[in-house]
PDB file of all heavy atoms in Angstrom:
ATOM      1  N   THR A   1      83.991 116.530  95.217  1.00  0.00           N
ATOM      2  CA  THR A   1      83.147 116.208  94.059  1.00  0.00           C
ATOM      3  C   THR A   1      82.900 117.440  93.200  1.00  0.00           C
ATOM      4  O   THR A   1      83.044 117.397  91.973  1.00  0.00           O
ATOM      5  CB  THR A   1      81.801 115.624  94.538  1.00  0.00           C
ATOM      6  OG1 THR A   1      82.043 114.439  95.302  1.00  0.00           O
ATOM      7  CG2 THR A   1      80.910 115.296  93.356  1.00  0.00           C
ATOM      8  N   ALA A   2      82.535 118.534  93.840  1.00  0.00           N
ATOM      9  CA  ALA A   2      82.266 119.764  93.084  1.00  0.00           C
ATOM     10  C   ALA A   2      83.539 120.315  92.439  1.00  0.00           C
ATOM     11  O   ALA A   2      83.529 120.751  91.281  1.00  0.00           O
ATOM     12  CB  ALA A   2      81.641 120.807  94.009  1.00  0.00           C
ATOM     13  N   ILE A   3      84.640 120.294  93.183  1.00  0.00           N
ATOM     14  CA  ILE A   3      85.906 120.797  92.642  1.00  0.00           C
ATOM     15  C   ILE A   3      86.361 119.951  91.459  1.00  0.00           C
ATOM     16  O   ILE A   3      86.803 120.477  90.432  1.00  0.00           O
ATOM     17  CB  ILE A   3      86.983 120.811  93.749  1.00  0.00           C
ATOM     18  CG1 ILE A   3      86.671 121.893  94.772  1.00  0.00           C
ATOM     19  CG2 ILE A   3      88.377 121.044  93.148  1.00  0.00           C
ATOM     20  CD1 ILE A   3      87.546 121.844  96.004  1.00  0.00           C
ATOM     21  N   ALA A   4      86.246 118.631  91.581  1.00  0.00           N
ATOM     22  CA  ALA A   4      86.661 117.750  90.494  1.00  0.00           C
ATOM     23  C   ALA A   4      85.801 117.971  89.247  1.00  0.00           C
ATOM     24  O   ALA A   4      86.316 117.970  88.125  1.00  0.00           O
ATOM     25  CB  ALA A   4      86.572 116.293  90.947  1.00  0.00           C
ATOM     26  N   ALA A   5      84.502 118.157  89.426  1.00  0.00           N
ATOM     27  CA  ALA A   5      83.628 118.412  88.276  1.00  0.00           C
ATOM     28  C   ALA A   5      84.035 119.693  87.560  1.00  0.00           C
ATOM     29  O   ALA A   5      84.109 119.732  86.324  1.00  0.00           O
ATOM     30  CB  ALA A   5      82.174 118.487  88.747  1.00  0.00           C
ATOM     31  N   ALA A   6      84.307 120.746  88.328  1.00  0.00           N
ATOM     32  CA  ALA A   6      84.722 122.011  87.722  1.00  0.00           C
ATOM     33  C   ALA A   6      86.053 121.860  86.998  1.00  0.00           C
ATOM     34  O   ALA A   6      86.237 122.357  85.879  1.00  0.00           O
ATOM     35  CB  ALA A   6      84.820 123.091  88.796  1.00  0.00           C
ATOM     36  N   CYS A   7      86.998 121.159  87.614  1.00  0.00           N
ATOM     37  CA  CYS A   7      88.308 120.961  86.986  1.00  0.00           C
ATOM     38  C   CYS A   7      88.200 120.107  85.733  1.00  0.00           C
ATOM     39  O   CYS A   7      88.914 120.341  84.751  1.00  0.00           O
ATOM     40  CB  CYS A   7      89.265 120.312  87.980  1.00  0.00           C
ATOM     41  SG  CYS A   7      89.794 121.399  89.315  1.00  0.00           S
ATOM     42  N   GLY A   8      87.316 119.114  85.741  1.00  0.00           N
ATOM     43  CA  GLY A   8      87.139 118.288  84.547  1.00  0.00           C
ATOM     44  C   GLY A   8      86.596 119.083  83.374  1.00  0.00           C
ATOM     45  O   GLY A   8      87.057 118.926  82.230  1.00  0.00           O
ATOM     46  N   LEU A   9      85.625 119.957  83.627  1.00  0.00           N
ATOM     47  CA  LEU A   9      85.048 120.772  82.551  1.00  0.00           C
ATOM     48  C   LEU A   9      86.042 121.809  82.042  1.00  0.00           C
ATOM     49  O   LEU A   9      86.239 121.964  80.830  1.00  0.00           O
ATOM     50  CB  LEU A   9      83.773 121.458  83.048  1.00  0.00           C
ATOM     51  CG  LEU A   9      82.594 120.541  83.400  1.00  0.00           C
ATOM     52  CD1 LEU A   9      81.449 121.349  83.989  1.00  0.00           C
ATOM     53  CD2 LEU A   9      82.124 119.762  82.174  1.00  0.00           C
ATOM     54  N   VAL A  10      86.664 122.523  82.967  1.00  0.00           N
ATOM     55  CA  VAL A  10      87.642 123.545  82.569  1.00  0.00           C
ATOM     56  C   VAL A  10      88.849 122.905  81.892  1.00  0.00           C
ATOM     57  O   VAL A  10      89.364 123.409  80.887  1.00  0.00           O
ATOM     58  CB  VAL A  10      88.078 124.363  83.802  1.00  0.00           C
ATOM     59  CG1 VAL A  10      89.257 125.274  83.464  1.00  0.00           C
ATOM     60  CG2 VAL A  10      86.920 125.203  84.318  1.00  0.00           C
ATOM     61  N   GLY A  11      89.289 121.763  82.429  1.00  0.00           N
ATOM     62  CA  GLY A  11      90.463 121.104  81.876  1.00  0.00           C
ATOM     63  C   GLY A  11      90.273 120.651  80.444  1.00  0.00           C
ATOM     64  O   GLY A  11      91.224 120.663  79.649  1.00  0.00           O
ATOM     65  N   TYR A  12      89.046 120.255  80.080  1.00  0.00           N
ATOM     66  CA  TYR A  12      88.798 119.838  78.704  1.00  0.00           C
ATOM     67  C   TYR A  12      89.134 120.961  77.735  1.00  0.00           C
ATOM     68  O   TYR A  12      89.823 120.761  76.722  1.00  0.00           O
ATOM     69  CB  TYR A  12      87.343 119.405  78.527  1.00  0.00           C
ATOM     70  CG  TYR A  12      86.969 119.210  77.071  1.00  0.00           C
ATOM     71  CD1 TYR A  12      87.406 118.103  76.373  1.00  0.00           C
ATOM     72  CD2 TYR A  12      86.225 120.172  76.399  1.00  0.00           C
ATOM     73  CE1 TYR A  12      87.101 117.930  75.035  1.00  0.00           C
ATOM     74  CE2 TYR A  12      85.912 120.012  75.058  1.00  0.00           C
ATOM     75  CZ  TYR A  12      86.337 118.885  74.382  1.00  0.00           C
ATOM     76  OH  TYR A  12      86.044 118.743  73.046  1.00  0.00           O
ATOM     77  N   PHE A  13      88.663 122.170  78.030  1.00  0.00           N
ATOM     78  CA  PHE A  13      88.936 123.287  77.130  1.00  0.00           C
ATOM     79  C   PHE A  13      90.388 123.737  77.214  1.00  0.00           C
ATOM     80  O   PHE A  13      90.945 124.241  76.232  1.00  0.00           O
ATOM     81  CB  PHE A  13      87.998 124.456  77.452  1.00  0.00           C
ATOM     82  CG  PHE A  13      86.601 124.261  76.936  1.00  0.00           C
ATOM     83  CD1 PHE A  13      85.580 123.882  77.781  1.00  0.00           C
ATOM     84  CD2 PHE A  13      86.320 124.429  75.585  1.00  0.00           C
ATOM     85  CE1 PHE A  13      84.296 123.680  77.308  1.00  0.00           C
ATOM     86  CE2 PHE A  13      85.041 124.229  75.097  1.00  0.00           C
ATOM     87  CZ  PHE A  13      84.023 123.856  75.955  1.00  0.00           C
ATOM     88  N   LEU A  14      91.021 123.554  78.376  1.00  0.00           N
ATOM     89  CA  LEU A  14      92.450 123.861  78.464  1.00  0.00           C
ATOM     90  C   LEU A  14      93.254 122.993  77.503  1.00  0.00           C
ATOM     91  O   LEU A  14      94.147 123.481  76.801  1.00  0.00           O
ATOM     92  CB  LEU A  14      92.945 123.632  79.893  1.00  0.00           C
ATOM     93  CG  LEU A  14      92.820 124.761  80.902  1.00  0.00           C
ATOM     94  CD1 LEU A  14      93.266 124.287  82.275  1.00  0.00           C
ATOM     95  CD2 LEU A  14      93.619 125.978  80.484  1.00  0.00           C
ATOM     96  N   VAL A  15      92.936 121.704  77.473  1.00  0.00           N
ATOM     97  CA  VAL A  15      93.648 120.786  76.585  1.00  0.00           C
ATOM     98  C   VAL A  15      93.283 121.072  75.130  1.00  0.00           C
ATOM     99  O   VAL A  15      94.140 121.094  74.242  1.00  0.00           O
ATOM    100  CB  VAL A  15      93.319 119.334  76.968  1.00  0.00           C
ATOM    101  CG1 VAL A  15      93.931 118.351  75.959  1.00  0.00           C
ATOM    102  CG2 VAL A  15      93.839 119.027  78.368  1.00  0.00           C
ATOM    103  N   LEU A  16      92.006 121.312  74.870  1.00  0.00           N
ATOM    104  CA  LEU A  16      91.558 121.572  73.504  1.00  0.00           C
ATOM    105  C   LEU A  16      92.179 122.829  72.923  1.00  0.00           C
ATOM    106  O   LEU A  16      92.554 122.876  71.755  1.00  0.00           O
ATOM    107  CB  LEU A  16      90.027 121.688  73.483  1.00  0.00           C
ATOM    108  CG  LEU A  16      89.370 121.856  72.104  1.00  0.00           C
ATOM    109  CD1 LEU A  16      89.577 120.612  71.257  1.00  0.00           C
ATOM    110  CD2 LEU A  16      87.884 122.154  72.257  1.00  0.00           C
ATOM    111  N   ARG A  17      92.335 123.849  73.749  1.00  0.00           N
ATOM    112  CA  ARG A  17      92.879 125.134  73.308  1.00  0.00           C
ATOM    113  C   ARG A  17      94.404 125.204  73.463  1.00  0.00           C
ATOM    114  O   ARG A  17      94.997 126.254  73.243  1.00  0.00           O
ATOM    115  CB  ARG A  17      92.246 126.265  74.120  1.00  0.00           C
ATOM    116  CG  ARG A  17      90.773 126.452  73.845  1.00  0.00           C
ATOM    117  CD  ARG A  17      90.099 127.328  74.909  1.00  0.00           C
ATOM    118  NE  ARG A  17      90.571 128.697  74.891  1.00  0.00           N
ATOM    119  CZ  ARG A  17      90.077 129.653  74.126  1.00  0.00           C
ATOM    120  NH1 ARG A  17      89.076 129.382  73.293  1.00  0.00           N
ATOM    121  NH2 ARG A  17      90.545 130.888  74.176  1.00  0.00           N
ATOM    122  N   ALA A  18      95.024 124.076  73.866  1.00  0.00           N
ATOM    123  CA  ALA A  18      96.476 124.012  74.046  1.00  0.00           C
ATOM    124  C   ALA A  18      96.956 125.082  75.031  1.00  0.00           C
ATOM    125  O   ALA A  18      97.941 125.776  74.799  1.00  0.00           O
ATOM    126  CB  ALA A  18      97.200 124.158  72.711  1.00  0.00           C
ATOM    127  N   GLN A  19      96.249 125.216  76.166  1.00  0.00           N
ATOM    128  CA  GLN A  19      96.589 126.201  77.183  1.00  0.00           C
ATOM    129  C   GLN A  19      96.932 125.551  78.528  1.00  0.00           C
ATOM    130  O   GLN A  19      96.786 126.179  79.571  1.00  0.00           O
ATOM    131  CB  GLN A  19      95.415 127.182  77.369  1.00  0.00           C
ATOM    132  CG  GLN A  19      95.214 128.135  76.203  1.00  0.00           C
ATOM    133  CD  GLN A  19      94.121 129.160  76.488  1.00  0.00           C
ATOM    134  OE1 GLN A  19      92.942 128.844  76.411  1.00  0.00           O
ATOM    135  NE2 GLN A  19      94.513 130.370  76.799  1.00  0.00           N
ATOM    136  N   VAL A  20      97.387 124.326  78.488  1.00  0.00           N
ATOM    137  CA  VAL A  20      97.719 123.622  79.734  1.00  0.00           C
ATOM    138  C   VAL A  20      98.845 124.344  80.481  1.00  0.00           C
ATOM    139  O   VAL A  20      98.873 124.366  81.713  1.00  0.00           O
ATOM    140  CB  VAL A  20      98.110 122.167  79.432  1.00  0.00           C
ATOM    141  CG1 VAL A  20      98.571 121.448  80.692  1.00  0.00           C
ATOM    142  CG2 VAL A  20      96.927 121.418  78.820  1.00  0.00           C
ATOM    143  N   PHE A  21      99.757 124.945  79.738  1.00  0.00           N
ATOM    144  CA  PHE A  21     100.860 125.675  80.350  1.00  0.00           C
ATOM    145  C   PHE A  21     100.336 126.831  81.214  1.00  0.00           C
ATOM    146  O   PHE A  21     100.968 127.227  82.194  1.00  0.00           O
ATOM    147  CB  PHE A  21     101.785 126.201  79.257  1.00  0.00           C
ATOM    148  CG  PHE A  21     103.158 126.593  79.731  1.00  0.00           C
ATOM    149  CD1 PHE A  21     103.753 125.975  80.822  1.00  0.00           C
ATOM    150  CD2 PHE A  21     103.873 127.591  79.072  1.00  0.00           C
ATOM    151  CE1 PHE A  21     105.020 126.333  81.255  1.00  0.00           C
ATOM    152  CE2 PHE A  21     105.148 127.948  79.487  1.00  0.00           C
ATOM    153  CZ  PHE A  21     105.709 127.329  80.576  1.00  0.00           C
ATOM    154  N   THR A  22      99.172 127.358  80.864  1.00  0.00           N
ATOM    155  CA  THR A  22      98.555 128.417  81.667  1.00  0.00           C
ATOM    156  C   THR A  22      98.231 127.919  83.065  1.00  0.00           C
ATOM    157  O   THR A  22      98.450 128.614  84.060  1.00  0.00           O
ATOM    158  CB  THR A  22      97.271 128.907  80.980  1.00  0.00           C
ATOM    159  OG1 THR A  22      97.570 129.349  79.660  1.00  0.00           O
ATOM    160  CG2 THR A  22      96.643 130.052  81.762  1.00  0.00           C
ATOM    161  N   ALA A  23      97.684 126.715  83.155  1.00  0.00           N
ATOM    162  CA  ALA A  23      97.375 126.135  84.468  1.00  0.00           C
ATOM    163  C   ALA A  23      98.646 125.930  85.283  1.00  0.00           C
ATOM    164  O   ALA A  23      98.640 126.098  86.513  1.00  0.00           O
ATOM    165  CB  ALA A  23      96.638 124.820  84.289  1.00  0.00           C
ATOM    166  N   ASP A  24      99.736 125.557  84.622  1.00  0.00           N
ATOM    167  CA  ASP A  24     101.010 125.392  85.321  1.00  0.00           C
ATOM    168  C   ASP A  24     101.454 126.721  85.925  1.00  0.00           C
ATOM    169  O   ASP A  24     101.912 126.776  87.069  1.00  0.00           O
ATOM    170  CB  ASP A  24     102.049 124.858  84.351  1.00  0.00           C
ATOM    171  CG  ASP A  24     103.336 124.444  85.050  1.00  0.00           C
ATOM    172  OD1 ASP A  24     103.286 124.180  86.265  1.00  0.00           O
ATOM    173  OD2 ASP A  24     104.394 124.376  84.389  1.00  0.00           O
ATOM    174  N   ALA A  25     101.321 127.799  85.148  1.00  0.00           N
ATOM    175  CA  ALA A  25     101.693 129.115  85.668  1.00  0.00           C
ATOM    176  C   ALA A  25     100.802 129.520  86.837  1.00  0.00           C
ATOM    177  O   ALA A  25     101.263 130.095  87.824  1.00  0.00           O
ATOM    178  CB  ALA A  25     101.594 130.149  84.547  1.00  0.00           C
ATOM    179  N   LEU A  26      99.504 129.206  86.742  1.00  0.00           N
ATOM    180  CA  LEU A  26      98.582 129.594  87.808  1.00  0.00           C
ATOM    181  C   LEU A  26      98.836 128.826  89.098  1.00  0.00           C
ATOM    182  O   LEU A  26      98.450 129.285  90.176  1.00  0.00           O
ATOM    183  CB  LEU A  26      97.139 129.382  87.337  1.00  0.00           C
ATOM    184  CG  LEU A  26      96.668 130.357  86.256  1.00  0.00           C
ATOM    185  CD1 LEU A  26      95.241 130.036  85.834  1.00  0.00           C
ATOM    186  CD2 LEU A  26      96.762 131.797  86.737  1.00  0.00           C
ATOM    187  N   SER A  27      99.468 127.661  89.010  1.00  0.00           N
ATOM    188  CA  SER A  27      99.826 126.962  90.245  1.00  0.00           C
ATOM    189  C   SER A  27     100.843 127.775  91.036  1.00  0.00           C
ATOM    190  O   SER A  27     100.786 127.829  92.275  1.00  0.00           O
ATOM    191  CB  SER A  27     100.381 125.578  89.916  1.00  0.00           C
ATOM    192  OG  SER A  27     101.624 125.664  89.229  1.00  0.00           O
ATOM    193  N   HIS A  28     101.767 128.429  90.341  1.00  0.00           N
ATOM    194  CA  HIS A  28     102.725 129.308  91.018  1.00  0.00           C
ATOM    195  C   HIS A  28     102.024 130.536  91.582  1.00  0.00           C
ATOM    196  O   HIS A  28     102.313 130.978  92.696  1.00  0.00           O
ATOM    197  CB  HIS A  28     103.813 129.758  90.029  1.00  0.00           C
ATOM    198  CG  HIS A  28     104.655 128.633  89.503  1.00  0.00           C
ATOM    199  ND1 HIS A  28     104.161 127.672  88.656  1.00  0.00           N
ATOM    200  CD2 HIS A  28     105.970 128.331  89.677  1.00  0.00           C
ATOM    201  CE1 HIS A  28     105.126 126.825  88.343  1.00  0.00           C
ATOM    202  NE2 HIS A  28     106.224 127.192  88.958  1.00  0.00           N
ATOM    203  N   VAL A  29     101.087 131.082  90.795  1.00  0.00           N
ATOM    204  CA  VAL A  29     100.345 132.264  91.236  1.00  0.00           C
ATOM    205  C   VAL A  29      99.499 131.937  92.468  1.00  0.00           C
ATOM    206  O   VAL A  29      99.373 132.751  93.386  1.00  0.00           O
ATOM    207  CB  VAL A  29      99.456 132.785  90.087  1.00  0.00           C
ATOM    208  CG1 VAL A  29      98.589 133.945  90.559  1.00  0.00           C
ATOM    209  CG2 VAL A  29     100.315 133.232  88.907  1.00  0.00           C
ATOM    210  N   ALA A  30      98.894 130.739  92.500  1.00  0.00           N
ATOM    211  CA  ALA A  30      98.079 130.339  93.645  1.00  0.00           C
ATOM    212  C   ALA A  30      98.909 130.307  94.926  1.00  0.00           C
ATOM    213  O   ALA A  30      98.477 130.790  95.978  1.00  0.00           O
ATOM    214  CB  ALA A  30      97.446 128.975  93.377  1.00  0.00           C
ATOM    215  N   PHE A  31     100.095 129.738  94.839  1.00  0.00           N
ATOM    216  CA  PHE A  31     100.985 129.677  96.000  1.00  0.00           C
ATOM    217  C   PHE A  31     101.327 131.082  96.489  1.00  0.00           C
ATOM    218  O   PHE A  31     101.233 131.385  97.680  1.00  0.00           O
ATOM    219  CB  PHE A  31     102.253 128.910  95.626  1.00  0.00           C
ATOM    220  CG  PHE A  31     103.320 128.918  96.681  1.00  0.00           C
ATOM    221  CD1 PHE A  31     103.184 128.148  97.824  1.00  0.00           C
ATOM    222  CD2 PHE A  31     104.464 129.676  96.531  1.00  0.00           C
ATOM    223  CE1 PHE A  31     104.166 128.148  98.806  1.00  0.00           C
ATOM    224  CE2 PHE A  31     105.453 129.695  97.496  1.00  0.00           C
ATOM    225  CZ  PHE A  31     105.304 128.919  98.649  1.00  0.00           C
TER     226      PHE A  31
END
């Protein structure tokens, strides 16, 4: 629940700022 809430808030600004590709790169960095 907490993780989803954080992702929903952060994701809104990612989409608004056209930075979704950044999250894709961070998935590689996380691994």
